């Protein structure tokens, strides 16, 4: 989805969902999350994923992988 200026709309909910799915260890504190978002250029990754149509599937695949690993190693 694009805004009036042709940019991809990225909300804070999108960023939070991405970090929770892809790198949950960085959700331990606001500082850790902010550092991860800035250093790993999460906003650009989300922008590219939305433009290519893989945003939702990336989050879902990351959640499924984490659930599989939890079941596999009984964590």
N, C-alpha and C. Protein backbone atom coordinates (compact mmCIF):
# COMPACT_ATOMS: atom_id res chain seq x y z
N UNK A 1 0.85 -1.17 0.00
CA UNK A 1 0.00 0.00 0.00
C UNK A 1 0.90 1.24 0.00
N UNK A 2 0.56 2.17 -0.82
CA UNK A 2 1.35 3.39 -0.94
C UNK A 2 0.58 4.59 -0.41
N UNK A 3 1.33 5.56 0.07
CA UNK A 3 0.69 6.79 0.54
C UNK A 3 0.57 7.77 -0.63
N UNK A 4 0.18 8.99 -0.35
CA UNK A 4 -0.03 9.99 -1.40
C UNK A 4 1.24 10.35 -2.15
N UNK A 5 2.39 10.13 -1.53
CA UNK A 5 3.67 10.50 -2.14
C UNK A 5 4.34 9.31 -2.83
N UNK A 6 3.67 8.15 -2.84
CA UNK A 6 4.21 6.98 -3.49
C UNK A 6 5.13 6.13 -2.63
N UNK A 7 5.22 6.45 -1.35
CA UNK A 7 6.04 5.66 -0.43
C UNK A 7 5.23 4.54 0.18
N UNK A 8 5.92 3.47 0.56
CA UNK A 8 5.27 2.35 1.22
C UNK A 8 4.92 2.76 2.65
N UNK A 9 3.71 2.43 3.07
CA UNK A 9 3.28 2.75 4.43
C UNK A 9 3.83 1.70 5.39
N UNK A 10 4.62 2.15 6.36
CA UNK A 10 5.19 1.27 7.37
C UNK A 10 4.81 1.84 8.74
N UNK A 11 4.05 1.07 9.49
CA UNK A 11 3.60 1.52 10.80
C UNK A 11 4.50 0.94 11.89
N UNK A 12 4.37 1.48 13.08
CA UNK A 12 5.13 0.94 14.21
C UNK A 12 4.67 -0.49 14.52
N UNK A 13 3.41 -0.80 14.24
CA UNK A 13 2.92 -2.17 14.42
C UNK A 13 3.64 -3.13 13.45
N UNK A 14 3.89 -2.68 12.23
CA UNK A 14 4.63 -3.49 11.27
C UNK A 14 6.04 -3.78 11.78
N UNK A 15 6.69 -2.75 12.29
CA UNK A 15 8.06 -2.89 12.79
C UNK A 15 8.08 -3.84 13.99
N UNK A 16 7.15 -3.66 14.90
CA UNK A 16 7.09 -4.51 16.09
C UNK A 16 6.81 -5.96 15.71
N UNK A 17 5.89 -6.17 14.79
CA UNK A 17 5.58 -7.53 14.35
C UNK A 17 6.79 -8.19 13.70
N UNK A 18 7.52 -7.43 12.89
CA UNK A 18 8.71 -7.96 12.22
C UNK A 18 9.76 -8.39 13.24
N UNK A 19 10.06 -7.51 14.18
CA UNK A 19 11.10 -7.82 15.16
C UNK A 19 10.67 -8.99 16.04
N UNK A 20 9.42 -9.03 16.47
CA UNK A 20 8.94 -10.14 17.29
C UNK A 20 9.04 -11.46 16.54
N UNK A 21 8.81 -11.44 15.23
CA UNK A 21 8.83 -12.68 14.45
C UNK A 21 10.25 -13.08 14.05
N UNK A 22 11.03 -12.12 13.60
CA UNK A 22 12.33 -12.44 13.03
C UNK A 22 13.44 -12.49 14.07
N UNK A 23 13.40 -11.60 15.05
CA UNK A 23 14.47 -11.53 16.05
C UNK A 23 13.89 -11.30 17.44
N UNK A 24 13.18 -12.28 17.99
CA UNK A 24 12.49 -12.08 19.27
C UNK A 24 13.42 -11.79 20.45
N UNK A 25 14.67 -12.17 20.34
CA UNK A 25 15.61 -11.90 21.44
C UNK A 25 15.81 -10.40 21.66
N UNK A 26 15.60 -9.62 20.62
CA UNK A 26 15.80 -8.18 20.73
C UNK A 26 14.57 -7.45 21.28
N UNK A 27 13.55 -8.19 21.67
CA UNK A 27 12.36 -7.58 22.24
C UNK A 27 12.44 -7.48 23.76
N UNK A 28 13.58 -7.82 24.32
CA UNK A 28 13.73 -7.84 25.77
C UNK A 28 13.66 -6.45 26.39
N UNK A 29 14.05 -5.44 25.64
CA UNK A 29 13.96 -4.07 26.15
C UNK A 29 13.76 -3.12 24.97
N UNK A 30 13.28 -1.93 25.27
CA UNK A 30 13.09 -0.93 24.22
C UNK A 30 14.41 -0.54 23.59
N UNK A 31 15.44 -0.47 24.42
CA UNK A 31 16.77 -0.10 23.93
C UNK A 31 17.30 -1.15 22.95
N UNK A 32 17.16 -2.42 23.31
CA UNK A 32 17.63 -3.49 22.43
C UNK A 32 16.87 -3.48 21.12
N UNK A 33 15.56 -3.27 21.19
CA UNK A 33 14.74 -3.25 19.98
C UNK A 33 15.12 -2.06 19.09
N UNK A 34 15.28 -0.90 19.68
CA UNK A 34 15.65 0.29 18.91
C UNK A 34 17.01 0.11 18.25
N UNK A 35 17.94 -0.48 18.96
CA UNK A 35 19.26 -0.74 18.41
C UNK A 35 19.19 -1.71 17.23
N UNK A 36 18.41 -2.77 17.39
CA UNK A 36 18.25 -3.74 16.32
C UNK A 36 17.61 -3.10 15.08
N UNK A 37 16.55 -2.34 15.30
CA UNK A 37 15.85 -1.70 14.19
C UNK A 37 16.78 -0.78 13.42
N UNK A 38 17.59 -0.03 14.14
CA UNK A 38 18.50 0.92 13.50
C UNK A 38 19.67 0.21 12.81
N UNK A 39 20.31 -0.71 13.51
CA UNK A 39 21.52 -1.34 12.97
C UNK A 39 21.24 -2.32 11.84
N UNK A 40 20.10 -2.98 11.87
CA UNK A 40 19.78 -3.96 10.82
C UNK A 40 18.86 -3.38 9.76
N UNK A 41 18.62 -2.08 9.80
CA UNK A 41 17.82 -1.38 8.79
C UNK A 41 16.49 -2.07 8.54
N UNK A 42 15.76 -2.30 9.62
CA UNK A 42 14.51 -3.03 9.58
C UNK A 42 13.47 -2.33 8.71
N UNK A 43 13.43 -1.02 8.76
CA UNK A 43 12.43 -0.28 7.99
C UNK A 43 12.62 -0.54 6.50
N UNK A 44 13.86 -0.56 6.03
CA UNK A 44 14.10 -0.83 4.61
C UNK A 44 13.76 -2.28 4.27
N UNK A 45 14.04 -3.20 5.17
CA UNK A 45 13.68 -4.61 4.93
C UNK A 45 12.16 -4.77 4.82
N UNK A 46 11.44 -4.07 5.68
CA UNK A 46 9.97 -4.13 5.62
C UNK A 46 9.48 -3.51 4.32
N UNK A 47 10.06 -2.39 3.93
CA UNK A 47 9.67 -1.71 2.69
C UNK A 47 9.86 -2.66 1.50
N UNK A 48 11.02 -3.32 1.42
CA UNK A 48 11.28 -4.24 0.30
C UNK A 48 10.35 -5.45 0.35
N UNK A 49 10.08 -5.95 1.55
CA UNK A 49 9.19 -7.11 1.69
C UNK A 49 7.77 -6.76 1.27
N UNK A 50 7.31 -5.56 1.62
CA UNK A 50 5.96 -5.15 1.23
C UNK A 50 5.88 -4.93 -0.28
N UNK A 51 6.90 -4.34 -0.87
CA UNK A 51 6.89 -4.11 -2.31
C UNK A 51 6.91 -5.41 -3.09
N UNK A 52 7.62 -6.41 -2.56
CA UNK A 52 7.70 -7.70 -3.26
C UNK A 52 6.55 -8.63 -2.90
N UNK A 53 5.76 -8.24 -1.89
CA UNK A 53 4.61 -9.05 -1.50
C UNK A 53 4.93 -10.16 -0.52
N UNK A 54 6.08 -10.09 0.12
CA UNK A 54 6.49 -11.14 1.04
C UNK A 54 6.44 -10.75 2.52
N UNK A 55 5.87 -9.62 2.83
CA UNK A 55 5.86 -9.17 4.23
C UNK A 55 5.13 -10.16 5.14
N UNK A 56 3.89 -10.47 4.81
CA UNK A 56 3.09 -11.37 5.65
C UNK A 56 3.68 -12.77 5.70
N UNK A 57 4.15 -13.27 4.57
CA UNK A 57 4.71 -14.62 4.56
C UNK A 57 6.03 -14.69 5.33
N UNK A 58 6.81 -13.62 5.31
CA UNK A 58 8.06 -13.61 6.07
C UNK A 58 7.78 -13.71 7.56
N UNK A 59 6.81 -12.96 8.03
CA UNK A 59 6.45 -13.01 9.45
C UNK A 59 5.89 -14.38 9.81
N UNK A 60 5.01 -14.90 8.97
CA UNK A 60 4.41 -16.21 9.26
C UNK A 60 5.46 -17.32 9.24
N UNK A 61 6.37 -17.30 8.27
CA UNK A 61 7.42 -18.31 8.20
C UNK A 61 8.34 -18.25 9.41
N UNK A 62 8.67 -17.06 9.87
CA UNK A 62 9.52 -16.92 11.04
C UNK A 62 8.82 -17.47 12.29
N UNK A 63 7.53 -17.20 12.41
CA UNK A 63 6.78 -17.72 13.56
C UNK A 63 6.67 -19.25 13.51
N UNK A 64 6.43 -19.79 12.31
CA UNK A 64 6.36 -21.24 12.17
C UNK A 64 7.70 -21.89 12.49
N UNK A 65 8.79 -21.28 12.04
CA UNK A 65 10.12 -21.83 12.31
C UNK A 65 10.41 -21.83 13.81
N UNK A 66 10.07 -20.73 14.47
CA UNK A 66 10.31 -20.66 15.91
C UNK A 66 9.47 -21.70 16.64
N UNK A 67 8.23 -21.89 16.23
CA UNK A 67 7.38 -22.91 16.86
C UNK A 67 7.94 -24.30 16.62
N UNK A 68 8.44 -24.55 15.42
CA UNK A 68 9.05 -25.85 15.12
C UNK A 68 10.27 -26.10 16.00
N UNK A 69 11.11 -25.08 16.13
CA UNK A 69 12.32 -25.24 16.96
C UNK A 69 11.96 -25.47 18.43
N UNK A 70 10.94 -24.80 18.89
CA UNK A 70 10.51 -25.00 20.27
C UNK A 70 10.01 -26.42 20.49
N UNK A 71 9.24 -26.93 19.53
CA UNK A 71 8.77 -28.31 19.62
C UNK A 71 9.94 -29.29 19.50
N UNK A 72 10.83 -29.03 18.58
CA UNK A 72 11.95 -29.93 18.30
C UNK A 72 12.87 -30.07 19.49
N UNK A 73 13.19 -28.96 20.12
CA UNK A 73 14.13 -28.98 21.24
C UNK A 73 13.44 -28.89 22.59
N UNK A 74 12.11 -28.95 22.57
CA UNK A 74 11.28 -28.97 23.77
C UNK A 74 11.62 -27.82 24.73
N UNK A 75 11.71 -26.65 24.18
CA UNK A 75 12.04 -25.46 24.99
C UNK A 75 10.77 -24.81 25.49
